[in-house]
PDB file of N, CA and C in Angstrom:
ATOM      1  N   MET A   1      39.806  -3.810  40.337  1.00  0.00           N
ATOM      2  CA  MET A   1      38.537  -4.049  39.702  1.00  0.00           C
ATOM      3  C   MET A   1      37.433  -3.594  40.666  1.00  0.00           C
ATOM      4  N   LYS A   2      36.369  -3.025  40.107  1.00  0.00           N
ATOM      5  CA  LYS A   2      35.261  -2.554  40.943  1.00  0.00           C
ATOM      6  C   LYS A   2      33.987  -3.296  40.609  1.00  0.00           C
ATOM      7  N   LYS A   3      33.079  -3.256  41.563  1.00  0.00           N
ATOM      8  CA  LYS A   3      31.795  -3.926  41.423  1.00  0.00           C
ATOM      9  C   LYS A   3      30.745  -3.063  42.117  1.00  0.00           C
ATOM     10  N   VAL A   4      29.505  -3.096  41.639  1.00  0.00           N
ATOM     11  CA  VAL A   4      28.416  -2.370  42.292  1.00  0.00           C
ATOM     12  C   VAL A   4      27.807  -3.271  43.362  1.00  0.00           C
ATOM     13  N   PHE A   5      27.738  -2.758  44.583  1.00  0.00           N
ATOM     14  CA  PHE A   5      27.092  -3.438  45.695  1.00  0.00           C
ATOM     15  C   PHE A   5      25.801  -2.708  46.020  1.00  0.00           C
ATOM     16  N   LYS A   6      24.857  -3.423  46.632  1.00  0.00           N
ATOM     17  CA  LYS A   6      23.561  -2.867  47.001  1.00  0.00           C
ATOM     18  C   LYS A   6      23.338  -3.082  48.492  1.00  0.00           C
ATOM     19  N   TYR A   7      22.780  -2.054  49.148  1.00  0.00           N
ATOM     20  CA  TYR A   7      22.496  -2.123  50.587  1.00  0.00           C
ATOM     21  C   TYR A   7      21.093  -1.597  50.837  1.00  0.00           C
ATOM     22  N   ARG A   8      20.268  -2.405  51.475  1.00  0.00           N
ATOM     23  CA  ARG A   8      18.958  -1.917  51.910  1.00  0.00           C
ATOM     24  C   ARG A   8      19.189  -1.104  53.169  1.00  0.00           C
ATOM     25  N   ILE A   9      18.708   0.120  53.182  1.00  0.00           N
ATOM     26  CA  ILE A   9      19.044   1.009  54.291  1.00  0.00           C
ATOM     27  C   ILE A   9      17.876   1.277  55.224  1.00  0.00           C
ATOM     28  N   GLY A  10      16.674   0.855  54.860  1.00  0.00           N
ATOM     29  CA  GLY A  10      15.540   1.073  55.751  1.00  0.00           C
ATOM     30  C   GLY A  10      15.154   2.537  55.830  1.00  0.00           C
ATOM     31  N   ILE A  11      14.127   2.809  56.602  1.00  0.00           N
ATOM     32  CA  ILE A  11      13.631   4.173  56.758  1.00  0.00           C
ATOM     33  C   ILE A  11      13.549   4.478  58.247  1.00  0.00           C
ATOM     34  N   ASP A  12      14.390   5.376  58.692  1.00  0.00           N
ATOM     35  CA  ASP A  12      14.415   5.833  60.080  1.00  0.00           C
ATOM     36  C   ASP A  12      15.081   7.202  60.068  1.00  0.00           C
ATOM     37  N   TYR A  13      14.946   7.965  61.134  1.00  0.00           N
ATOM     38  CA  TYR A  13      15.562   9.290  61.165  1.00  0.00           C
ATOM     39  C   TYR A  13      17.074   9.212  61.036  1.00  0.00           C
ATOM     40  N   ASP A  14      17.686   8.274  61.720  1.00  0.00           N
ATOM     41  CA  ASP A  14      19.128   8.066  61.655  1.00  0.00           C
ATOM     42  C   ASP A  14      19.385   6.621  61.282  1.00  0.00           C
ATOM     43  N   VAL A  15      20.105   6.419  60.181  1.00  0.00           N
ATOM     44  CA  VAL A  15      20.342   5.078  59.650  1.00  0.00           C
ATOM     45  C   VAL A  15      21.847   4.867  59.515  1.00  0.00           C
ATOM     46  N   ALA A  16      22.314   3.685  59.900  1.00  0.00           N
ATOM     47  CA  ALA A  16      23.710   3.304  59.676  1.00  0.00           C
ATOM     48  C   ALA A  16      23.723   1.944  58.989  1.00  0.00           C
ATOM     49  N   PHE A  17      24.586   1.808  58.007  1.00  0.00           N
ATOM     50  CA  PHE A  17      24.780   0.502  57.383  1.00  0.00           C
ATOM     51  C   PHE A  17      26.268   0.316  57.168  1.00  0.00           C
ATOM     52  N   SER A  18      26.712  -0.928  57.219  1.00  0.00           N
ATOM     53  CA  SER A  18      28.130  -1.224  57.075  1.00  0.00           C
ATOM     54  C   SER A  18      28.446  -1.500  55.605  1.00  0.00           C
ATOM     55  N   ALA A  19      29.490  -0.836  55.112  1.00  0.00           N
ATOM     56  CA  ALA A  19      29.928  -1.014  53.727  1.00  0.00           C
ATOM     57  C   ALA A  19      31.452  -0.932  53.716  1.00  0.00           C
ATOM     58  N   PRO A  20      32.085  -1.440  52.657  1.00  0.00           N
ATOM     59  CA  PRO A  20      33.538  -1.302  52.568  1.00  0.00           C
ATOM     60  C   PRO A  20      33.953   0.167  52.635  1.00  0.00           C
ATOM     61  N   SER A  21      35.139   0.414  53.167  1.00  0.00           N
ATOM     62  CA  SER A  21      35.591   1.785  53.412  1.00  0.00           C
ATOM     63  C   SER A  21      35.749   2.602  52.133  1.00  0.00           C
ATOM     64  N   ASP A  22      35.874   1.948  50.975  1.00  0.00           N
ATOM     65  CA  ASP A  22      36.012   2.689  49.712  1.00  0.00           C
ATOM     66  C   ASP A  22      34.675   2.825  48.972  1.00  0.00           C
ATOM     67  N   PHE A  23      33.568   2.531  49.647  1.00  0.00           N
ATOM     68  CA  PHE A  23      32.228   2.633  49.055  1.00  0.00           C
ATOM     69  C   PHE A  23      32.010   4.024  48.473  1.00  0.00           C
ATOM     70  N   GLU A  24      31.631   4.085  47.193  1.00  0.00           N
ATOM     71  CA  GLU A  24      31.294   5.344  46.529  1.00  0.00           C
ATOM     72  C   GLU A  24      29.835   5.275  46.091  1.00  0.00           C
ATOM     73  N   LEU A  25      29.030   6.118  46.679  1.00  0.00           N
ATOM     74  CA  LEU A  25      27.598   6.118  46.410  1.00  0.00           C
ATOM     75  C   LEU A  25      27.311   6.469  44.956  1.00  0.00           C
ATOM     76  N   LEU A  26      26.475   5.637  44.316  1.00  0.00           N
ATOM     77  CA  LEU A  26      26.006   5.913  42.961  1.00  0.00           C
ATOM     78  C   LEU A  26      24.571   6.430  42.962  1.00  0.00           C
ATOM     79  N   HIS A  27      23.739   5.810  43.809  1.00  0.00           N
ATOM     80  CA  HIS A  27      22.310   6.121  43.770  1.00  0.00           C
ATOM     81  C   HIS A  27      21.638   5.630  45.042  1.00  0.00           C
ATOM     82  N   ILE A  28      20.623   6.355  45.472  1.00  0.00           N
ATOM     83  CA  ILE A  28      19.706   5.881  46.504  1.00  0.00           C
ATOM     84  C   ILE A  28      18.315   5.962  45.896  1.00  0.00           C
ATOM     85  N   GLY A  29      17.568   4.889  46.020  1.00  0.00           N
ATOM     86  CA  GLY A  29      16.228   4.858  45.458  1.00  0.00           C
ATOM     87  C   GLY A  29      15.377   3.816  46.153  1.00  0.00           C
ATOM     88  N   GLU A  30      14.173   3.636  45.638  1.00  0.00           N
ATOM     89  CA  GLU A  30      13.231   2.663  46.186  1.00  0.00           C
ATOM     90  C   GLU A  30      13.366   1.359  45.417  1.00  0.00           C
ATOM     91  N   GLN A  31      13.393   0.247  46.133  1.00  0.00           N
ATOM     92  CA  GLN A  31      13.327  -1.073  45.516  1.00  0.00           C
ATOM     93  C   GLN A  31      12.507  -1.973  46.418  1.00  0.00           C
ATOM     94  N   ASP A  32      11.417  -2.492  45.897  1.00  0.00           N
ATOM     95  CA  ASP A  32      10.532  -3.393  46.639  1.00  0.00           C
ATOM     96  C   ASP A  32      10.055  -2.780  47.951  1.00  0.00           C
ATOM     97  N   GLY A  33       9.784  -1.461  47.950  1.00  0.00           N
ATOM     98  CA  GLY A  33       9.247  -0.792  49.122  1.00  0.00           C
ATOM     99  C   GLY A  33      10.269  -0.348  50.148  1.00  0.00           C
ATOM    100  N   ASP A  34      11.559  -0.613  49.898  1.00  0.00           N
ATOM    101  CA  ASP A  34      12.630  -0.216  50.821  1.00  0.00           C
ATOM    102  C   ASP A  34      13.519   0.838  50.172  1.00  0.00           C
ATOM    103  N   LEU A  35      14.101   1.709  51.002  1.00  0.00           N
ATOM    104  CA  LEU A  35      15.166   2.571  50.501  1.00  0.00           C
ATOM    105  C   LEU A  35      16.410   1.715  50.331  1.00  0.00           C
ATOM    106  N   THR A  36      17.079   1.880  49.195  1.00  0.00           N
ATOM    107  CA  THR A  36      18.242   1.063  48.862  1.00  0.00           C
ATOM    108  C   THR A  36      19.348   1.961  48.335  1.00  0.00           C
ATOM    109  N   ALA A  37      20.590   1.669  48.746  1.00  0.00           N
ATOM    110  CA  ALA A  37      21.759   2.401  48.270  1.00  0.00           C
ATOM    111  C   ALA A  37      22.592   1.491  47.378  1.00  0.00           C
ATOM    112  N   TRP A  38      23.045   2.018  46.247  1.00  0.00           N
ATOM    113  CA  TRP A  38      23.939   1.314  45.352  1.00  0.00           C
ATOM    114  C   TRP A  38      25.232   2.095  45.275  1.00  0.00           C
ATOM    115  N   GLY A  39      26.356   1.384  45.303  1.00  0.00           N
ATOM    116  CA  GLY A  39      27.646   2.052  45.216  1.00  0.00           C
ATOM    117  C   GLY A  39      28.727   1.111  44.742  1.00  0.00           C
ATOM    118  N   THR A  40      29.844   1.682  44.310  1.00  0.00           N
ATOM    119  CA  THR A  40      30.958   0.869  43.831  1.00  0.00           C
ATOM    120  C   THR A  40      31.944   0.608  44.962  1.00  0.00           C
ATOM    121  N   VAL A  41      32.568  -0.571  44.902  1.00  0.00           N
ATOM    122  CA  VAL A  41      33.627  -0.949  45.840  1.00  0.00           C
ATOM    123  C   VAL A  41      34.701  -1.726  45.073  1.00  0.00           C
ATOM    124  N   GLU A  42      35.910  -1.658  45.576  1.00  0.00           N
ATOM    125  CA  GLU A  42      37.023  -2.417  45.001  1.00  0.00           C
ATOM    126  C   GLU A  42      36.863  -3.885  45.407  1.00  0.00           C
ATOM    127  N   VAL A  43      37.021  -4.813  44.443  1.00  0.00           N
ATOM    128  CA  VAL A  43      36.865  -6.245  44.724  1.00  0.00           C
ATOM    129  C   VAL A  43      38.083  -7.018  44.226  1.00  0.00           C
ATOM    130  N   ASP A  44      38.226  -8.238  44.775  1.00  0.00           N
ATOM    131  CA  ASP A  44      39.298  -9.119  44.312  1.00  0.00           C
ATOM    132  C   ASP A  44      38.801  -9.949  43.124  1.00  0.00           C
ATOM    133  N   ASN A  45      39.600 -10.906  42.687  1.00  0.00           N
ATOM    134  CA  ASN A  45      39.238 -11.724  41.519  1.00  0.00           C
ATOM    135  C   ASN A  45      37.994 -12.578  41.741  1.00  0.00           C
ATOM    136  N   LEU A  46      37.632 -12.819  43.000  1.00  0.00           N
ATOM    137  CA  LEU A  46      36.435 -13.615  43.301  1.00  0.00           C
ATOM    138  C   LEU A  46      35.206 -12.745  43.516  1.00  0.00           C
ATOM    139  N   GLY A  47      35.370 -11.429  43.415  1.00  0.00           N
ATOM    140  CA  GLY A  47      34.242 -10.518  43.580  1.00  0.00           C
ATOM    141  C   GLY A  47      33.993 -10.085  45.003  1.00  0.00           C
ATOM    142  N   ALA A  48      34.898 -10.450  45.915  1.00  0.00           N
ATOM    143  CA  ALA A  48      34.746 -10.056  47.323  1.00  0.00           C
ATOM    144  C   ALA A  48      35.374  -8.686  47.550  1.00  0.00           C
ATOM    145  N   ALA A  49      34.771  -7.913  48.442  1.00  0.00           N
ATOM    146  CA  ALA A  49      35.284  -6.577  48.755  1.00  0.00           C
ATOM    147  C   ALA A  49      36.701  -6.674  49.305  1.00  0.00           C
ATOM    148  N   VAL A  50      37.566  -5.784  48.855  1.00  0.00           N
ATOM    149  CA  VAL A  50      38.967  -5.769  49.258  1.00  0.00           C
ATOM    150  C   VAL A  50      39.152  -5.035  50.580  1.00  0.00           C
ATOM    151  N   HIS A  51      38.436  -3.945  50.779  1.00  0.00           N
ATOM    152  CA  HIS A  51      38.619  -3.096  51.950  1.00  0.00           C
ATOM    153  C   HIS A  51      37.649  -3.460  53.064  1.00  0.00           C
ATOM    154  N   GLY A  52      38.092  -3.263  54.305  1.00  0.00           N
ATOM    155  CA  GLY A  52      37.261  -3.539  55.463  1.00  0.00           C
ATOM    156  C   GLY A  52      36.065  -2.607  55.538  1.00  0.00           C
ATOM    157  N   GLY A  53      35.133  -2.960  56.406  1.00  0.00           N
ATOM    158  CA  GLY A  53      33.899  -2.201  56.504  1.00  0.00           C
ATOM    159  C   GLY A  53      33.979  -0.993  57.415  1.00  0.00           C
ATOM    160  N   LYS A  54      33.063  -0.082  57.184  1.00  0.00           N
ATOM    161  CA  LYS A  54      32.873   1.056  58.073  1.00  0.00           C
ATOM    162  C   LYS A  54      31.391   1.411  58.046  1.00  0.00           C
ATOM    163  N   ASP A  55      30.931   2.074  59.090  1.00  0.00           N
ATOM    164  CA  ASP A  55      29.528   2.472  59.145  1.00  0.00           C
ATOM    165  C   ASP A  55      29.309   3.718  58.297  1.00  0.00           C
ATOM    166  N   MET A  56      28.337   3.631  57.420  1.00  0.00           N
ATOM    167  CA  MET A  56      27.880   4.770  56.637  1.00  0.00           C
ATOM    168  C   MET A  56      26.645   5.297  57.348  1.00  0.00           C
ATOM    169  N   ARG A  57      26.629   6.578  57.659  1.00  0.00           N
ATOM    170  CA  ARG A  57      25.529   7.153  58.425  1.00  0.00           C
ATOM    171  C   ARG A  57      24.719   8.105  57.560  1.00  0.00           C
ATOM    172  N   LEU A  58      23.401   7.875  57.578  1.00  0.00           N
ATOM    173  CA  LEU A  58      22.479   8.716  56.836  1.00  0.00           C
ATOM    174  C   LEU A  58      21.440   9.305  57.776  1.00  0.00           C
ATOM    175  N   CYS A  59      20.887  10.416  57.368  1.00  0.00           N
ATOM    176  CA  CYS A  59      19.784  11.054  58.071  1.00  0.00           C
ATOM    177  C   CYS A  59      18.637  11.135  57.068  1.00  0.00           C
ATOM    178  N   ILE A  60      17.467  10.686  57.449  1.00  0.00           N
ATOM    179  CA  ILE A  60      16.322  10.653  56.549  1.00  0.00           C
ATOM    180  C   ILE A  60      15.184  11.451  57.169  1.00  0.00           C
ATOM    181  N   ARG A  61      14.663  12.392  56.412  1.00  0.00           N
ATOM    182  CA  ARG A  61      13.549  13.219  56.872  1.00  0.00           C
ATOM    183  C   ARG A  61      12.446  13.187  55.831  1.00  0.00           C
ATOM    184  N   GLY A  62      11.220  13.092  56.294  1.00  0.00           N
ATOM    185  CA  GLY A  62      10.068  13.129  55.409  1.00  0.00           C
ATOM    186  C   GLY A  62       9.615  14.561  55.176  1.00  0.00           C
ATOM    187  N   THR A  63       8.887  14.760  54.099  1.00  0.00           N
ATOM    188  CA  THR A  63       8.315  16.074  53.841  1.00  0.00           C
ATOM    189  C   THR A  63       7.414  16.449  55.007  1.00  0.00           C
ATOM    190  N   GLY A  64       7.595  17.656  55.530  1.00  0.00           N
ATOM    191  CA  GLY A  64       6.806  18.126  56.664  1.00  0.00           C
ATOM    192  C   GLY A  64       7.406  17.793  58.015  1.00  0.00           C
ATOM    193  N   HIS A  65       8.472  17.004  58.054  1.00  0.00           N
ATOM    194  CA  HIS A  65       9.129  16.667  59.311  1.00  0.00           C
ATOM    195  C   HIS A  65      10.045  17.812  59.748  1.00  0.00           C
ATOM    196  N   PHE A  66      10.313  17.897  61.027  1.00  0.00           N
ATOM    197  CA  PHE A  66      11.199  18.929  61.559  1.00  0.00           C
ATOM    198  C   PHE A  66      12.655  18.609  61.254  1.00  0.00           C
ATOM    199  N   PHE A  67      13.465  19.656  61.088  1.00  0.00           N
ATOM    200  CA  PHE A  67      14.902  19.540  60.889  1.00  0.00           C
ATOM    201  C   PHE A  67      15.605  20.143  62.089  1.00  0.00           C
ATOM    202  N   GLN A  68      16.713  19.521  62.502  1.00  0.00           N
ATOM    203  CA  GLN A  68      17.521  20.026  63.613  1.00  0.00           C
ATOM    204  C   GLN A  68      18.599  20.984  63.122  1.00  0.00           C
ATOM    205  N   GLY A  69      18.955  20.887  61.851  1.00  0.00           N
ATOM    206  CA  GLY A  69      20.016  21.715  61.304  1.00  0.00           C
ATOM    207  C   GLY A  69      21.356  21.013  61.215  1.00  0.00           C
ATOM    208  N   ASP A  70      21.436  19.786  61.730  1.00  0.00           N
ATOM    209  CA  ASP A  70      22.690  19.027  61.686  1.00  0.00           C
ATOM    210  C   ASP A  70      22.533  17.731  60.896  1.00  0.00           C
ATOM    211  N   GLU A  71      21.608  17.732  59.947  1.00  0.00           N
ATOM    212  CA  GLU A  71      21.317  16.511  59.193  1.00  0.00           C
ATOM    213  C   GLU A  71      22.481  16.071  58.311  1.00  0.00           C
ATOM    214  N   GLY A  72      23.331  16.988  57.898  1.00  0.00           N
ATOM    215  CA  GLY A  72      24.459  16.638  57.048  1.00  0.00           C
ATOM    216  C   GLY A  72      24.285  17.166  55.644  1.00  0.00           C
ATOM    217  N   LYS A  73      25.011  16.566  54.708  1.00  0.00           N
ATOM    218  CA  LYS A  73      25.008  17.003  53.310  1.00  0.00           C
ATOM    219  C   LYS A  73      23.866  16.327  52.557  1.00  0.00           C
ATOM    220  N   TYR A  74      23.044  17.128  51.898  1.00  0.00           N
ATOM    221  CA  TYR A  74      21.913  16.601  51.132  1.00  0.00           C
ATOM    222  C   TYR A  74      22.415  15.699  50.006  1.00  0.00           C
ATOM    223  N   ILE A  75      21.749  14.532  49.845  1.00  0.00           N
ATOM    224  CA  ILE A  75      22.073  13.606  48.762  1.00  0.00           C
ATOM    225  C   ILE A  75      20.997  13.670  47.685  1.00  0.00           C
ATOM    226  N   LYS A  76      19.759  13.342  48.085  1.00  0.00           N
ATOM    227  CA  LYS A  76      18.669  13.328  47.115  1.00  0.00           C
ATOM    228  C   LYS A  76      17.336  13.140  47.809  1.00  0.00           C
ATOM    229  N   THR A  77      16.268  13.229  47.027  1.00  0.00           N
ATOM    230  CA  THR A  77      14.907  13.002  47.487  1.00  0.00           C
ATOM    231  C   THR A  77      14.369  11.781  46.756  1.00  0.00           C
ATOM    232  N   VAL A  78      13.662  10.906  47.500  1.00  0.00           N
ATOM    233  CA  VAL A  78      13.107   9.683  46.921  1.00  0.00           C
ATOM    234  C   VAL A  78      11.615   9.632  47.218  1.00  0.00           C
ATOM    235  N   GLN A  79      10.809   9.400  46.177  1.00  0.00           N
ATOM    236  CA  GLN A  79       9.373   9.211  46.364  1.00  0.00           C
ATOM    237  C   GLN A  79       9.077   7.723  46.318  1.00  0.00           C
ATOM    238  N   MET A  80       8.373   7.247  47.345  1.00  0.00           N
ATOM    239  CA  MET A  80       8.028   5.832  47.463  1.00  0.00           C
ATOM    240  C   MET A  80       6.727   5.549  46.711  1.00  0.00           C
ATOM    241  N   PRO A  81       6.453   4.288  46.367  1.00  0.00           N
ATOM    242  CA  PRO A  81       5.214   3.950  45.655  1.00  0.00           C
ATOM    243  C   PRO A  81       3.951   4.332  46.432  1.00  0.00           C
ATOM    244  N   ASN A  82       4.049   4.381  47.768  1.00  0.00           N
ATOM    245  CA  ASN A  82       2.873   4.730  48.577  1.00  0.00           C
ATOM    246  C   ASN A  82       2.662   6.241  48.672  1.00  0.00           C
ATOM    247  N   GLY A  83       3.524   7.034  47.992  1.00  0.00           N
ATOM    248  CA  GLY A  83       3.373   8.474  47.961  1.00  0.00           C
ATOM    249  C   GLY A  83       4.230   9.227  48.968  1.00  0.00           C
ATOM    250  N   LEU A  84       4.817   8.528  49.955  1.00  0.00           N
ATOM    251  CA  LEU A  84       5.689   9.212  50.912  1.00  0.00           C
ATOM    252  C   LEU A  84       6.958   9.679  50.217  1.00  0.00           C
ATOM    253  N   VAL A  85       7.462  10.836  50.655  1.00  0.00           N
ATOM    254  CA  VAL A  85       8.661  11.411  50.064  1.00  0.00           C
ATOM    255  C   VAL A  85       9.708  11.573  51.158  1.00  0.00           C
ATOM    256  N   TRP A  86      10.914  11.025  50.918  1.00  0.00           N
ATOM    257  CA  TRP A  86      12.010  11.050  51.880  1.00  0.00           C
ATOM    258  C   TRP A  86      13.160  11.869  51.328  1.00  0.00           C
ATOM    259  N   HIS A  87      13.758  12.700  52.186  1.00  0.00           N
ATOM    260  CA  HIS A  87      14.899  13.532  51.833  1.00  0.00           C
ATOM    261  C   HIS A  87      16.094  12.960  52.596  1.00  0.00           C
ATOM    262  N   ILE A  88      17.163  12.656  51.873  1.00  0.00           N
ATOM    263  CA  ILE A  88      18.262  11.869  52.433  1.00  0.00           C
ATOM    264  C   ILE A  88      19.542  12.713  52.470  1.00  0.00           C
ATOM    265  N   PHE A  89      20.228  12.630  53.629  1.00  0.00           N
ATOM    266  CA  PHE A  89      21.443  13.391  53.883  1.00  0.00           C
ATOM    267  C   PHE A  89      22.531  12.466  54.399  1.00  0.00           C
ATOM    268  N   TRP A  90      23.813  12.741  54.013  1.00  0.00           N
ATOM    269  CA  TRP A  90      24.966  12.080  54.637  1.00  0.00           C
ATOM    270  C   TRP A  90      25.154  12.709  56.006  1.00  0.00           C
ATOM    271  N   ARG A  91      25.297  11.889  57.020  1.00  0.00           N
ATOM    272  CA  ARG A  91      25.622  12.389  58.365  1.00  0.00           C
ATOM    273  C   ARG A  91      27.092  12.719  58.405  1.00  0.00           C
ATOM    274  N   LEU A  92      27.431  13.911  58.783  1.00  0.00           N
ATOM    275  CA  LEU A  92      28.837  14.324  58.816  1.00  0.00           C
ATOM    276  C   LEU A  92      29.453  14.029  60.169  1.00  0.00           C
TER     277      LEU A  92
END
């Protein structure tokens, strides 16, 4: 059985958050002024994650910011309510 989990990921050039190892990203967007990731994970009958955690690493760059070329695989772009635009990449 699967369940959607939510993780607030913050805004920084390099971000890591812990999620179950089978985490499958569904969406990254803004919620209450924070960048948030939603994804599916395998759960037991009580709704608890079955698989142990691992660090998920993201790279976040704003429009006009410099790129090093090793940001990773592009995921999506998110516009915040304050007008800032963030481009999000999986760190490989």
